[in-house]
N, C-alpha and C. Protein backbone atom coordinates (compact mmCIF):
# COMPACT_ATOMS: atom_id res chain seq x y z
N MET A 1 0.65 7.32 9.26
CA MET A 1 1.54 7.67 10.38
C MET A 1 1.80 6.43 11.23
N ILE A 2 3.07 6.22 11.58
CA ILE A 2 3.45 5.05 12.36
C ILE A 2 3.09 5.27 13.82
N LYS A 3 2.45 4.28 14.42
CA LYS A 3 2.05 4.35 15.82
C LYS A 3 3.27 4.19 16.71
N THR A 4 3.41 5.12 17.69
CA THR A 4 4.48 5.00 18.67
C THR A 4 3.86 4.85 20.05
N GLY A 5 4.57 4.19 20.96
CA GLY A 5 4.03 3.98 22.29
C GLY A 5 3.08 2.80 22.33
N ASN A 6 2.42 2.63 23.45
CA ASN A 6 1.51 1.51 23.64
C ASN A 6 0.27 1.63 22.76
N ILE A 7 -0.24 0.49 22.34
CA ILE A 7 -1.50 0.44 21.59
C ILE A 7 -2.64 0.35 22.60
N SER A 8 -3.56 1.31 22.55
CA SER A 8 -4.68 1.32 23.49
C SER A 8 -5.84 0.49 22.97
N LEU A 9 -6.47 -0.27 23.88
CA LEU A 9 -7.50 -1.22 23.48
C LEU A 9 -8.74 -1.10 24.36
N ILE A 10 -9.90 -1.37 23.75
CA ILE A 10 -11.14 -1.57 24.49
C ILE A 10 -11.64 -2.97 24.15
N ILE A 11 -12.06 -3.71 25.17
CA ILE A 11 -12.57 -5.07 25.00
C ILE A 11 -14.08 -5.07 25.21
N VAL A 12 -14.82 -5.62 24.24
CA VAL A 12 -16.28 -5.64 24.33
C VAL A 12 -16.78 -7.08 24.21
N ASP A 13 -17.37 -7.58 25.28
CA ASP A 13 -17.92 -8.94 25.31
C ASP A 13 -18.94 -9.01 26.43
N ASP A 14 -20.05 -9.68 26.21
CA ASP A 14 -21.08 -9.75 27.26
C ASP A 14 -20.68 -10.69 28.39
N GLN A 15 -19.68 -11.53 28.17
CA GLN A 15 -19.22 -12.45 29.20
C GLN A 15 -18.02 -11.87 29.94
N GLU A 16 -18.19 -11.65 31.23
CA GLU A 16 -17.13 -11.04 32.03
C GLU A 16 -15.86 -11.88 32.02
N ILE A 17 -16.01 -13.20 32.03
CA ILE A 17 -14.84 -14.08 32.08
C ILE A 17 -14.00 -13.94 30.81
N VAL A 18 -14.66 -13.69 29.67
CA VAL A 18 -13.93 -13.49 28.42
C VAL A 18 -13.19 -12.16 28.46
N ARG A 19 -13.87 -11.12 28.92
CA ARG A 19 -13.22 -9.80 29.03
C ARG A 19 -12.00 -9.87 29.94
N GLU A 20 -12.19 -10.52 31.08
CA GLU A 20 -11.08 -10.61 32.04
C GLU A 20 -9.92 -11.41 31.47
N GLY A 21 -10.25 -12.48 30.74
CA GLY A 21 -9.20 -13.31 30.14
C GLY A 21 -8.37 -12.53 29.14
N LEU A 22 -9.04 -11.79 28.26
CA LEU A 22 -8.34 -10.98 27.27
C LEU A 22 -7.54 -9.87 27.95
N LYS A 23 -8.15 -9.26 28.96
CA LYS A 23 -7.48 -8.16 29.64
C LYS A 23 -6.21 -8.65 30.33
N LEU A 24 -6.30 -9.75 31.05
CA LEU A 24 -5.14 -10.29 31.74
C LEU A 24 -4.04 -10.70 30.76
N THR A 25 -4.48 -11.28 29.65
CA THR A 25 -3.52 -11.73 28.64
C THR A 25 -2.76 -10.56 28.04
N LEU A 26 -3.48 -9.52 27.61
CA LEU A 26 -2.85 -8.42 26.90
C LEU A 26 -2.13 -7.45 27.84
N GLN A 27 -2.60 -7.33 29.08
CA GLN A 27 -1.93 -6.45 30.03
C GLN A 27 -0.53 -6.94 30.37
N CYS A 28 -0.35 -8.27 30.21
CA CYS A 28 0.96 -8.86 30.50
C CYS A 28 1.93 -8.71 29.33
N GLU A 29 1.41 -8.27 28.20
CA GLU A 29 2.24 -8.15 27.00
C GLU A 29 2.72 -6.71 26.84
N PRO A 30 4.00 -6.50 26.61
CA PRO A 30 4.51 -5.14 26.41
C PRO A 30 3.93 -4.52 25.14
N GLY A 31 3.62 -3.23 25.21
CA GLY A 31 3.15 -2.52 24.03
C GLY A 31 1.64 -2.39 23.94
N PHE A 32 0.91 -2.93 24.93
CA PHE A 32 -0.55 -2.86 24.90
C PHE A 32 -1.09 -2.24 26.19
N ASN A 33 -2.16 -1.46 26.06
CA ASN A 33 -2.75 -0.81 27.21
C ASN A 33 -4.28 -0.92 27.14
N ILE A 34 -4.90 -1.62 28.07
CA ILE A 34 -6.36 -1.76 28.10
C ILE A 34 -6.93 -0.51 28.76
N ILE A 35 -7.67 0.29 28.01
CA ILE A 35 -8.19 1.55 28.55
C ILE A 35 -9.68 1.47 28.86
N GLY A 36 -10.30 0.32 28.60
CA GLY A 36 -11.72 0.20 28.93
C GLY A 36 -12.29 -1.13 28.50
N GLU A 37 -13.47 -1.45 29.03
CA GLU A 37 -14.19 -2.66 28.64
C GLU A 37 -15.68 -2.38 28.71
N ALA A 38 -16.43 -3.14 27.93
CA ALA A 38 -17.88 -2.95 27.89
C ALA A 38 -18.56 -4.29 27.65
N ALA A 39 -19.80 -4.41 28.14
CA ALA A 39 -20.56 -5.65 27.99
C ALA A 39 -21.55 -5.61 26.83
N ASN A 40 -21.73 -4.43 26.23
CA ASN A 40 -22.67 -4.29 25.10
C ASN A 40 -22.37 -3.00 24.34
N GLY A 41 -23.13 -2.81 23.25
CA GLY A 41 -22.90 -1.65 22.40
C GLY A 41 -23.15 -0.33 23.09
N ASN A 42 -24.19 -0.25 23.89
CA ASN A 42 -24.51 1.01 24.57
C ASN A 42 -23.42 1.41 25.55
N GLU A 43 -22.90 0.43 26.28
CA GLU A 43 -21.79 0.72 27.21
C GLU A 43 -20.56 1.20 26.44
N LEU A 44 -20.35 0.59 25.29
CA LEU A 44 -19.20 0.97 24.47
C LEU A 44 -19.34 2.41 23.97
N ILE A 45 -20.51 2.76 23.46
CA ILE A 45 -20.75 4.12 22.96
C ILE A 45 -20.51 5.15 24.07
N LYS A 46 -21.00 4.84 25.26
CA LYS A 46 -20.82 5.74 26.39
C LYS A 46 -19.33 5.86 26.75
N LEU A 47 -18.63 4.73 26.69
CA LEU A 47 -17.20 4.72 27.00
C LEU A 47 -16.42 5.58 26.01
N LEU A 48 -16.82 5.53 24.74
CA LEU A 48 -16.10 6.26 23.70
C LEU A 48 -16.28 7.77 23.80
N GLU A 49 -17.19 8.21 24.65
CA GLU A 49 -17.34 9.66 24.87
C GLU A 49 -16.15 10.22 25.63
N ASN A 50 -15.43 9.34 26.34
CA ASN A 50 -14.33 9.79 27.20
C ASN A 50 -12.96 9.26 26.81
N VAL A 51 -12.92 8.19 26.04
CA VAL A 51 -11.63 7.61 25.64
C VAL A 51 -11.62 7.35 24.14
N CYS A 52 -10.40 7.29 23.58
CA CYS A 52 -10.26 7.06 22.14
C CYS A 52 -9.22 5.94 21.93
N PRO A 53 -9.69 4.71 21.77
CA PRO A 53 -8.76 3.58 21.64
C PRO A 53 -8.16 3.49 20.23
N ASP A 54 -7.03 2.82 20.14
CA ASP A 54 -6.47 2.51 18.83
C ASP A 54 -7.25 1.37 18.18
N VAL A 55 -7.65 0.39 19.00
CA VAL A 55 -8.34 -0.80 18.48
C VAL A 55 -9.42 -1.24 19.47
N ILE A 56 -10.56 -1.70 18.91
CA ILE A 56 -11.62 -2.29 19.72
C ILE A 56 -11.71 -3.77 19.38
N LEU A 57 -11.63 -4.63 20.40
CA LEU A 57 -11.86 -6.07 20.23
C LEU A 57 -13.32 -6.32 20.56
N LEU A 58 -14.10 -6.71 19.56
CA LEU A 58 -15.56 -6.73 19.67
C LEU A 58 -16.14 -8.12 19.43
N ASP A 59 -16.84 -8.65 20.42
CA ASP A 59 -17.49 -9.95 20.30
C ASP A 59 -18.57 -9.90 19.22
N ASP A 60 -18.71 -10.96 18.44
CA ASP A 60 -19.70 -10.94 17.36
C ASP A 60 -21.09 -11.35 17.82
N ARG A 61 -21.21 -11.96 19.00
CA ARG A 61 -22.52 -12.43 19.44
C ARG A 61 -22.80 -11.97 20.87
N MET A 62 -23.72 -11.02 20.99
CA MET A 62 -24.15 -10.53 22.29
C MET A 62 -25.68 -10.48 22.32
N PRO A 63 -26.29 -10.54 23.49
CA PRO A 63 -27.74 -10.72 23.61
C PRO A 63 -28.61 -9.73 22.83
N ASN A 64 -28.38 -8.45 22.99
CA ASN A 64 -29.29 -7.46 22.41
C ASN A 64 -28.88 -6.92 21.05
N GLU A 65 -27.60 -6.97 20.75
CA GLU A 65 -27.11 -6.43 19.49
C GLU A 65 -25.82 -7.14 19.13
N ASN A 66 -25.74 -7.71 17.92
CA ASN A 66 -24.53 -8.45 17.58
C ASN A 66 -23.38 -7.50 17.22
N GLY A 67 -22.19 -8.05 17.22
CA GLY A 67 -21.01 -7.24 17.01
C GLY A 67 -20.97 -6.52 15.68
N ILE A 68 -21.49 -7.17 14.63
CA ILE A 68 -21.46 -6.54 13.31
C ILE A 68 -22.37 -5.33 13.26
N ASP A 69 -23.54 -5.42 13.89
CA ASP A 69 -24.44 -4.26 13.94
C ASP A 69 -23.83 -3.13 14.76
N ILE A 70 -23.14 -3.49 15.84
CA ILE A 70 -22.45 -2.48 16.65
C ILE A 70 -21.36 -1.82 15.81
N CYS A 71 -20.66 -2.64 15.04
CA CYS A 71 -19.60 -2.14 14.16
C CYS A 71 -20.16 -1.11 13.18
N LYS A 72 -21.30 -1.41 12.58
CA LYS A 72 -21.94 -0.46 11.66
C LYS A 72 -22.27 0.85 12.36
N ARG A 73 -22.81 0.73 13.57
CA ARG A 73 -23.18 1.92 14.33
C ARG A 73 -21.95 2.77 14.65
N LEU A 74 -20.86 2.10 15.01
CA LEU A 74 -19.64 2.82 15.34
C LEU A 74 -19.04 3.51 14.11
N MET A 75 -19.11 2.86 12.96
CA MET A 75 -18.53 3.43 11.75
C MET A 75 -19.22 4.73 11.36
N ARG A 76 -20.51 4.83 11.66
CA ARG A 76 -21.23 6.06 11.34
C ARG A 76 -20.75 7.21 12.23
N ARG A 77 -20.41 6.90 13.48
CA ARG A 77 -19.95 7.94 14.41
C ARG A 77 -18.45 8.15 14.37
N TYR A 78 -17.72 7.05 14.23
CA TYR A 78 -16.26 7.09 14.29
C TYR A 78 -15.68 6.36 13.07
N PRO A 79 -15.72 6.98 11.90
CA PRO A 79 -15.31 6.28 10.67
C PRO A 79 -13.86 5.82 10.64
N ASP A 80 -13.01 6.41 11.48
CA ASP A 80 -11.59 6.04 11.48
C ASP A 80 -11.25 4.99 12.52
N ILE A 81 -12.24 4.52 13.26
CA ILE A 81 -11.97 3.57 14.33
C ILE A 81 -11.59 2.20 13.75
N ARG A 82 -10.73 1.48 14.46
CA ARG A 82 -10.29 0.16 14.01
C ARG A 82 -10.94 -0.90 14.90
N ILE A 83 -11.66 -1.83 14.26
CA ILE A 83 -12.40 -2.85 15.00
C ILE A 83 -11.99 -4.24 14.53
N ILE A 84 -11.70 -5.12 15.49
CA ILE A 84 -11.47 -6.54 15.20
C ILE A 84 -12.64 -7.32 15.79
N ILE A 85 -13.36 -8.05 14.95
CA ILE A 85 -14.47 -8.88 15.40
C ILE A 85 -13.91 -10.20 15.92
N LEU A 86 -14.34 -10.60 17.12
CA LEU A 86 -13.95 -11.88 17.70
C LEU A 86 -15.13 -12.84 17.68
N THR A 87 -14.89 -14.06 17.25
CA THR A 87 -15.96 -15.05 17.15
C THR A 87 -15.51 -16.40 17.69
N ALA A 88 -16.46 -17.21 18.06
CA ALA A 88 -16.15 -18.56 18.53
C ALA A 88 -16.22 -19.58 17.40
N TYR A 89 -16.63 -19.13 16.21
CA TYR A 89 -16.88 -20.07 15.12
C TYR A 89 -16.16 -19.64 13.85
N ALA A 90 -15.48 -20.61 13.21
CA ALA A 90 -14.78 -20.32 11.96
C ALA A 90 -15.71 -20.40 10.75
N GLU A 91 -16.76 -21.24 10.84
CA GLU A 91 -17.61 -21.51 9.69
C GLU A 91 -18.72 -20.46 9.58
N GLN A 92 -18.32 -19.22 9.29
CA GLN A 92 -19.29 -18.13 9.23
C GLN A 92 -19.01 -17.25 8.01
N GLU A 93 -19.19 -17.79 6.82
CA GLU A 93 -18.88 -17.02 5.62
C GLU A 93 -19.69 -15.74 5.55
N ASP A 94 -21.00 -15.83 5.82
CA ASP A 94 -21.85 -14.66 5.74
C ASP A 94 -21.42 -13.58 6.73
N SER A 95 -21.05 -14.00 7.94
CA SER A 95 -20.63 -13.05 8.96
C SER A 95 -19.34 -12.35 8.55
N ILE A 96 -18.44 -13.08 7.91
CA ILE A 96 -17.18 -12.48 7.47
C ILE A 96 -17.45 -11.41 6.43
N VAL A 97 -18.30 -11.72 5.47
CA VAL A 97 -18.65 -10.75 4.43
C VAL A 97 -19.29 -9.52 5.06
N ARG A 98 -20.24 -9.74 5.97
CA ARG A 98 -20.94 -8.62 6.59
C ARG A 98 -20.01 -7.80 7.47
N ALA A 99 -19.06 -8.46 8.13
CA ALA A 99 -18.10 -7.74 8.98
C ALA A 99 -17.23 -6.82 8.14
N VAL A 100 -16.76 -7.31 7.00
CA VAL A 100 -15.94 -6.49 6.10
C VAL A 100 -16.75 -5.31 5.59
N MET A 101 -17.99 -5.58 5.18
CA MET A 101 -18.85 -4.51 4.66
C MET A 101 -19.18 -3.49 5.75
N ALA A 102 -19.24 -3.95 7.00
CA ALA A 102 -19.55 -3.05 8.11
C ALA A 102 -18.37 -2.16 8.48
N GLY A 103 -17.19 -2.50 8.00
CA GLY A 103 -16.02 -1.69 8.27
C GLY A 103 -15.02 -2.30 9.23
N ALA A 104 -15.24 -3.54 9.64
CA ALA A 104 -14.29 -4.20 10.54
C ALA A 104 -12.94 -4.37 9.84
N LYS A 105 -11.87 -4.25 10.61
CA LYS A 105 -10.52 -4.40 10.06
C LYS A 105 -9.95 -5.79 10.29
N GLY A 106 -10.70 -6.63 11.02
CA GLY A 106 -10.21 -7.97 11.26
C GLY A 106 -11.31 -8.88 11.74
N PHE A 107 -11.08 -10.18 11.58
CA PHE A 107 -12.04 -11.21 11.99
C PHE A 107 -11.23 -12.37 12.55
N LEU A 108 -11.30 -12.58 13.89
CA LEU A 108 -10.47 -13.58 14.55
C LEU A 108 -11.30 -14.57 15.35
N ILE A 109 -10.80 -15.80 15.43
CA ILE A 109 -11.40 -16.81 16.29
C ILE A 109 -10.90 -16.59 17.72
N LYS A 110 -11.79 -16.79 18.71
CA LYS A 110 -11.44 -16.49 20.09
C LYS A 110 -10.31 -17.36 20.64
N ASN A 111 -10.08 -18.52 20.04
CA ASN A 111 -8.98 -19.35 20.53
C ASN A 111 -7.66 -19.04 19.83
N VAL A 112 -7.59 -17.85 19.23
CA VAL A 112 -6.38 -17.42 18.53
C VAL A 112 -5.20 -17.43 19.50
N ARG A 113 -4.04 -17.80 18.99
CA ARG A 113 -2.83 -17.78 19.81
C ARG A 113 -2.47 -16.34 20.17
N ILE A 114 -1.85 -16.17 21.32
CA ILE A 114 -1.50 -14.83 21.79
C ILE A 114 -0.62 -14.12 20.77
N ALA A 115 0.36 -14.83 20.22
CA ALA A 115 1.28 -14.22 19.26
C ALA A 115 0.53 -13.71 18.03
N GLU A 116 -0.44 -14.51 17.56
CA GLU A 116 -1.21 -14.10 16.39
C GLU A 116 -2.13 -12.92 16.72
N LEU A 117 -2.70 -12.93 17.92
CA LEU A 117 -3.55 -11.82 18.34
C LEU A 117 -2.74 -10.53 18.38
N LYS A 118 -1.54 -10.59 18.93
CA LYS A 118 -0.67 -9.41 18.99
C LYS A 118 -0.32 -8.92 17.59
N ARG A 119 0.03 -9.84 16.71
CA ARG A 119 0.38 -9.46 15.33
C ARG A 119 -0.82 -8.82 14.64
N SER A 120 -2.00 -9.39 14.88
CA SER A 120 -3.21 -8.87 14.24
C SER A 120 -3.54 -7.47 14.70
N ILE A 121 -3.44 -7.23 16.00
CA ILE A 121 -3.71 -5.90 16.54
C ILE A 121 -2.74 -4.88 15.94
N LYS A 122 -1.46 -5.25 15.91
CA LYS A 122 -0.45 -4.34 15.35
C LYS A 122 -0.70 -4.11 13.85
N ALA A 123 -1.17 -5.14 13.17
CA ALA A 123 -1.43 -5.02 11.73
C ALA A 123 -2.55 -4.02 11.44
N VAL A 124 -3.65 -4.10 12.19
CA VAL A 124 -4.76 -3.17 11.93
C VAL A 124 -4.37 -1.74 12.31
N VAL A 125 -3.50 -1.59 13.31
CA VAL A 125 -3.01 -0.25 13.65
C VAL A 125 -2.20 0.32 12.49
N ARG A 126 -1.49 -0.55 11.76
CA ARG A 126 -0.72 -0.11 10.59
C ARG A 126 -1.62 0.16 9.39
N GLY A 127 -2.90 -0.15 9.52
CA GLY A 127 -3.82 0.09 8.42
C GLY A 127 -4.15 -1.14 7.59
N GLU A 128 -3.67 -2.30 8.03
CA GLU A 128 -3.95 -3.54 7.30
C GLU A 128 -5.29 -4.14 7.73
N THR A 129 -5.79 -5.05 6.90
CA THR A 129 -7.00 -5.81 7.23
C THR A 129 -6.58 -7.26 7.41
N ILE A 130 -7.03 -7.89 8.50
CA ILE A 130 -6.53 -9.24 8.80
C ILE A 130 -7.69 -10.24 8.91
N LEU A 131 -7.34 -11.49 8.65
CA LEU A 131 -8.30 -12.59 8.70
C LEU A 131 -7.67 -13.77 9.40
N ASP A 132 -8.36 -14.34 10.38
CA ASP A 132 -7.85 -15.48 11.13
C ASP A 132 -7.49 -16.62 10.19
N SER A 133 -6.37 -17.29 10.47
CA SER A 133 -5.91 -18.37 9.60
C SER A 133 -6.92 -19.51 9.53
N GLN A 134 -7.63 -19.78 10.64
CA GLN A 134 -8.65 -20.84 10.63
C GLN A 134 -9.82 -20.45 9.73
N VAL A 135 -10.20 -19.18 9.79
CA VAL A 135 -11.29 -18.68 8.94
C VAL A 135 -10.86 -18.71 7.48
N ALA A 136 -9.62 -18.28 7.23
CA ALA A 136 -9.12 -18.28 5.85
C ALA A 136 -9.10 -19.69 5.27
N LYS A 137 -8.70 -20.66 6.09
CA LYS A 137 -8.68 -22.06 5.63
C LYS A 137 -10.08 -22.53 5.28
N HIS A 138 -11.05 -22.18 6.13
CA HIS A 138 -12.44 -22.59 5.86
C HIS A 138 -12.94 -21.92 4.57
N LEU A 139 -12.61 -20.66 4.39
CA LEU A 139 -13.04 -19.95 3.18
C LEU A 139 -12.44 -20.57 1.92
N ILE A 140 -11.14 -20.83 1.98
CA ILE A 140 -10.47 -21.31 0.78
C ILE A 140 -10.94 -22.70 0.39
N GLU A 141 -11.38 -23.50 1.36
CA GLU A 141 -11.91 -24.82 1.04
C GLU A 141 -13.19 -24.74 0.23
N LYS A 142 -13.86 -23.61 0.31
CA LYS A 142 -15.11 -23.43 -0.42
C LYS A 142 -14.91 -22.77 -1.78
N VAL A 143 -13.69 -22.33 -2.05
CA VAL A 143 -13.42 -21.69 -3.33
C VAL A 143 -13.13 -22.76 -4.39
N LYS A 144 -13.88 -22.80 -5.45
CA LYS A 144 -13.69 -23.81 -6.50
C LYS A 144 -12.46 -23.48 -7.34
N GLU A 145 -11.92 -24.51 -7.97
CA GLU A 145 -10.72 -24.32 -8.78
C GLU A 145 -10.98 -23.39 -9.97
N VAL A 146 -12.15 -23.49 -10.56
CA VAL A 146 -12.48 -22.67 -11.74
C VAL A 146 -13.76 -21.90 -11.46
N PRO A 147 -13.76 -20.59 -11.70
CA PRO A 147 -14.97 -19.81 -11.47
C PRO A 147 -16.10 -20.27 -12.38
N ARG A 148 -17.36 -20.03 -11.97
CA ARG A 148 -18.51 -20.40 -12.78
C ARG A 148 -18.49 -19.66 -14.10
N LYS A 149 -18.89 -20.32 -15.16
CA LYS A 149 -18.91 -19.69 -16.47
C LYS A 149 -19.93 -18.55 -16.54
N ASP A 150 -21.00 -18.65 -15.71
CA ASP A 150 -22.03 -17.61 -15.74
C ASP A 150 -21.75 -16.52 -14.73
N SER A 151 -20.58 -16.52 -14.10
CA SER A 151 -20.26 -15.51 -13.09
C SER A 151 -20.14 -14.15 -13.75
N SER A 152 -20.66 -13.12 -13.07
CA SER A 152 -20.58 -11.76 -13.60
C SER A 152 -19.21 -11.15 -13.33
N THR A 153 -18.41 -11.80 -12.49
CA THR A 153 -17.08 -11.31 -12.18
C THR A 153 -16.10 -11.74 -13.27
N PRO A 154 -15.23 -10.85 -13.73
CA PRO A 154 -14.24 -11.23 -14.75
C PRO A 154 -13.46 -12.45 -14.31
N GLN A 155 -13.26 -13.39 -15.23
CA GLN A 155 -12.61 -14.65 -14.89
C GLN A 155 -11.12 -14.44 -14.68
N LEU A 156 -10.59 -15.06 -13.65
CA LEU A 156 -9.16 -14.99 -13.38
C LEU A 156 -8.43 -16.07 -14.17
N THR A 157 -7.18 -15.78 -14.52
CA THR A 157 -6.36 -16.80 -15.14
C THR A 157 -6.01 -17.84 -14.08
N GLU A 158 -5.49 -18.98 -14.53
CA GLU A 158 -5.12 -20.03 -13.59
C GLU A 158 -4.08 -19.53 -12.58
N GLN A 159 -3.10 -18.77 -13.07
CA GLN A 159 -2.07 -18.25 -12.18
C GLN A 159 -2.65 -17.23 -11.20
N GLN A 160 -3.53 -16.37 -11.68
CA GLN A 160 -4.16 -15.38 -10.80
C GLN A 160 -5.01 -16.06 -9.74
N LEU A 161 -5.72 -17.12 -10.12
CA LEU A 161 -6.54 -17.85 -9.15
C LEU A 161 -5.66 -18.49 -8.08
N ASN A 162 -4.53 -19.06 -8.50
CA ASN A 162 -3.60 -19.66 -7.53
C ASN A 162 -3.10 -18.62 -6.54
N ILE A 163 -2.76 -17.44 -7.06
CA ILE A 163 -2.27 -16.36 -6.19
C ILE A 163 -3.38 -15.90 -5.26
N ALA A 164 -4.60 -15.75 -5.80
CA ALA A 164 -5.73 -15.30 -4.99
C ALA A 164 -6.02 -16.27 -3.85
N ARG A 165 -5.90 -17.56 -4.13
CA ARG A 165 -6.16 -18.58 -3.10
C ARG A 165 -5.10 -18.53 -2.00
N LEU A 166 -3.86 -18.22 -2.38
CA LEU A 166 -2.80 -18.11 -1.38
C LEU A 166 -2.97 -16.83 -0.55
N VAL A 167 -3.43 -15.77 -1.19
CA VAL A 167 -3.75 -14.55 -0.45
C VAL A 167 -4.83 -14.84 0.58
N ALA A 168 -5.86 -15.58 0.16
CA ALA A 168 -6.98 -15.90 1.06
C ALA A 168 -6.54 -16.79 2.22
N LYS A 169 -5.46 -17.55 2.02
CA LYS A 169 -4.94 -18.39 3.10
C LYS A 169 -4.17 -17.57 4.13
N GLY A 170 -3.92 -16.30 3.80
CA GLY A 170 -3.23 -15.43 4.74
C GLY A 170 -1.74 -15.30 4.49
N LEU A 171 -1.24 -15.82 3.36
CA LEU A 171 0.19 -15.74 3.07
C LEU A 171 0.58 -14.32 2.66
N THR A 172 1.79 -13.93 3.00
CA THR A 172 2.32 -12.63 2.60
C THR A 172 2.81 -12.71 1.16
N ASN A 173 3.10 -11.54 0.56
CA ASN A 173 3.63 -11.53 -0.80
C ASN A 173 4.92 -12.33 -0.90
N LYS A 174 5.77 -12.21 0.12
CA LYS A 174 7.05 -12.94 0.12
C LYS A 174 6.82 -14.45 0.15
N GLU A 175 5.86 -14.89 0.97
CA GLU A 175 5.55 -16.33 1.07
C GLU A 175 4.93 -16.85 -0.23
N ILE A 176 4.06 -16.04 -0.84
CA ILE A 176 3.45 -16.45 -2.11
C ILE A 176 4.51 -16.55 -3.19
N ALA A 177 5.41 -15.58 -3.21
CA ALA A 177 6.50 -15.60 -4.19
C ALA A 177 7.34 -16.87 -4.04
N ALA A 178 7.63 -17.25 -2.81
CA ALA A 178 8.42 -18.46 -2.56
C ALA A 178 7.67 -19.71 -3.00
N ASN A 179 6.36 -19.74 -2.75
CA ASN A 179 5.53 -20.89 -3.15
C ASN A 179 5.47 -21.06 -4.65
N LEU A 180 5.40 -19.95 -5.38
CA LEU A 180 5.19 -20.02 -6.83
C LEU A 180 6.46 -19.75 -7.63
N PHE A 181 7.59 -19.59 -6.91
CA PHE A 181 8.89 -19.35 -7.55
C PHE A 181 8.86 -18.12 -8.45
N LEU A 182 8.27 -17.04 -7.91
CA LEU A 182 8.20 -15.77 -8.62
C LEU A 182 8.78 -14.69 -7.72
N SER A 183 9.02 -13.51 -8.28
CA SER A 183 9.53 -12.42 -7.47
C SER A 183 8.39 -11.75 -6.70
N GLU A 184 8.75 -11.06 -5.62
CA GLU A 184 7.73 -10.35 -4.85
C GLU A 184 7.06 -9.27 -5.68
N ASN A 185 7.84 -8.59 -6.54
CA ASN A 185 7.27 -7.55 -7.39
C ASN A 185 6.24 -8.12 -8.35
N THR A 186 6.53 -9.33 -8.86
CA THR A 186 5.57 -9.98 -9.75
C THR A 186 4.28 -10.31 -9.02
N ILE A 187 4.42 -10.82 -7.80
CA ILE A 187 3.23 -11.16 -7.00
C ILE A 187 2.43 -9.90 -6.71
N LYS A 188 3.11 -8.83 -6.33
CA LYS A 188 2.43 -7.57 -6.04
C LYS A 188 1.67 -7.07 -7.27
N PHE A 189 2.29 -7.17 -8.43
CA PHE A 189 1.64 -6.76 -9.68
C PHE A 189 0.38 -7.58 -9.95
N HIS A 190 0.49 -8.92 -9.76
CA HIS A 190 -0.65 -9.79 -10.00
C HIS A 190 -1.78 -9.50 -9.02
N ILE A 191 -1.45 -9.28 -7.75
CA ILE A 191 -2.49 -9.02 -6.76
C ILE A 191 -3.23 -7.72 -7.07
N GLN A 192 -2.50 -6.72 -7.53
CA GLN A 192 -3.14 -5.46 -7.92
C GLN A 192 -4.12 -5.69 -9.07
N ASN A 193 -3.72 -6.52 -10.04
CA ASN A 193 -4.60 -6.83 -11.17
C ASN A 193 -5.81 -7.64 -10.73
N ILE A 194 -5.58 -8.60 -9.83
CA ILE A 194 -6.68 -9.44 -9.32
C ILE A 194 -7.70 -8.57 -8.59
N MET A 195 -7.23 -7.69 -7.73
CA MET A 195 -8.15 -6.83 -6.98
C MET A 195 -8.92 -5.89 -7.91
N ARG A 196 -8.23 -5.41 -8.95
CA ARG A 196 -8.92 -4.55 -9.92
C ARG A 196 -10.01 -5.34 -10.66
N LYS A 197 -9.69 -6.57 -11.05
CA LYS A 197 -10.68 -7.42 -11.73
C LYS A 197 -11.87 -7.73 -10.82
N MET A 198 -11.56 -8.01 -9.54
CA MET A 198 -12.60 -8.40 -8.61
C MET A 198 -13.30 -7.19 -7.98
N ASN A 199 -12.76 -6.00 -8.26
CA ASN A 199 -13.33 -4.76 -7.72
C ASN A 199 -13.34 -4.77 -6.19
N VAL A 200 -12.21 -5.16 -5.60
CA VAL A 200 -12.06 -5.17 -4.13
C VAL A 200 -10.81 -4.37 -3.78
N HIS A 201 -10.68 -4.02 -2.49
CA HIS A 201 -9.60 -3.12 -2.09
C HIS A 201 -8.71 -3.67 -0.98
N ASN A 202 -8.98 -4.89 -0.51
CA ASN A 202 -8.11 -5.49 0.49
C ASN A 202 -8.20 -7.01 0.40
N ARG A 203 -7.35 -7.70 1.15
CA ARG A 203 -7.22 -9.15 1.01
C ARG A 203 -8.43 -9.91 1.55
N VAL A 204 -9.01 -9.42 2.64
CA VAL A 204 -10.19 -10.10 3.17
C VAL A 204 -11.36 -9.99 2.18
N ALA A 205 -11.55 -8.80 1.62
CA ALA A 205 -12.62 -8.62 0.64
C ALA A 205 -12.39 -9.51 -0.58
N LEU A 206 -11.13 -9.71 -0.96
CA LEU A 206 -10.82 -10.60 -2.08
C LEU A 206 -11.26 -12.03 -1.78
N ALA A 207 -10.94 -12.53 -0.56
CA ALA A 207 -11.33 -13.88 -0.17
C ALA A 207 -12.84 -14.05 -0.16
N THR A 208 -13.53 -13.08 0.42
CA THR A 208 -14.98 -13.20 0.52
C THR A 208 -15.66 -13.04 -0.83
N GLN A 209 -15.08 -12.22 -1.73
CA GLN A 209 -15.63 -12.08 -3.07
C GLN A 209 -15.49 -13.37 -3.86
N LEU A 210 -14.34 -14.03 -3.73
CA LEU A 210 -14.13 -15.32 -4.39
C LEU A 210 -15.18 -16.33 -3.91
N LEU A 211 -15.43 -16.32 -2.59
CA LEU A 211 -16.38 -17.24 -2.01
C LEU A 211 -17.79 -16.98 -2.56
N SER A 212 -18.22 -15.72 -2.54
CA SER A 212 -19.58 -15.42 -2.96
C SER A 212 -19.79 -15.69 -4.45
N ASP A 213 -18.73 -15.52 -5.27
CA ASP A 213 -18.86 -15.75 -6.69
C ASP A 213 -18.84 -17.22 -7.07
N THR A 214 -18.41 -18.11 -6.14
CA THR A 214 -18.35 -19.53 -6.47
C THR A 214 -19.43 -20.34 -5.77
N GLU A 215 -20.28 -19.68 -4.97
CA GLU A 215 -21.38 -20.39 -4.33
C GLU A 215 -22.51 -20.58 -5.33
N ASP A 216 -23.19 -21.71 -5.26
CA ASP A 216 -24.31 -21.96 -6.14
C ASP A 216 -25.57 -21.31 -5.59
């Protein structure tokens, strides 16, 4: 179902200055409505007893409970909730994998541009899974050109690997098609085959699976 009206948000961060910064930024943007904020997981759970946000922006590092653990806890209670993990660090491969497994719909760096933050929030509301371009770049730099021969994952063809690497960089099907001089339908077909081979169901999981299968 297509979302109409303002997108409601809850901001969760132990630092008040970060919460206020995000709140001021998004309140000034049309189409967004901040309906609550919390400094930790317990405050968030209590808040959710009275409000139902479209998206939760959740800090990954807080004193008593990290964002990924909070995400897991929320998924057990609210399986349909959409969560974007916010982090100060791009070089967190393990955290990205754990965030996806915990049910997060996005993983963004805190210095993300406003335009990208808005696009990301709208994307997860549409049901997409998003990955910060800085994080994607760091991930793709760790992906080897050829998978290990002893990998238990079915080996991708050279063309499939090229497409998978472009997916991990955050490119759309149209952009990948333009890069490889192929049609969008062909790219869509290849991505479906790649995901089936890798046994993943979204683009972030594809990037993290490639990473885990090429680490020594």
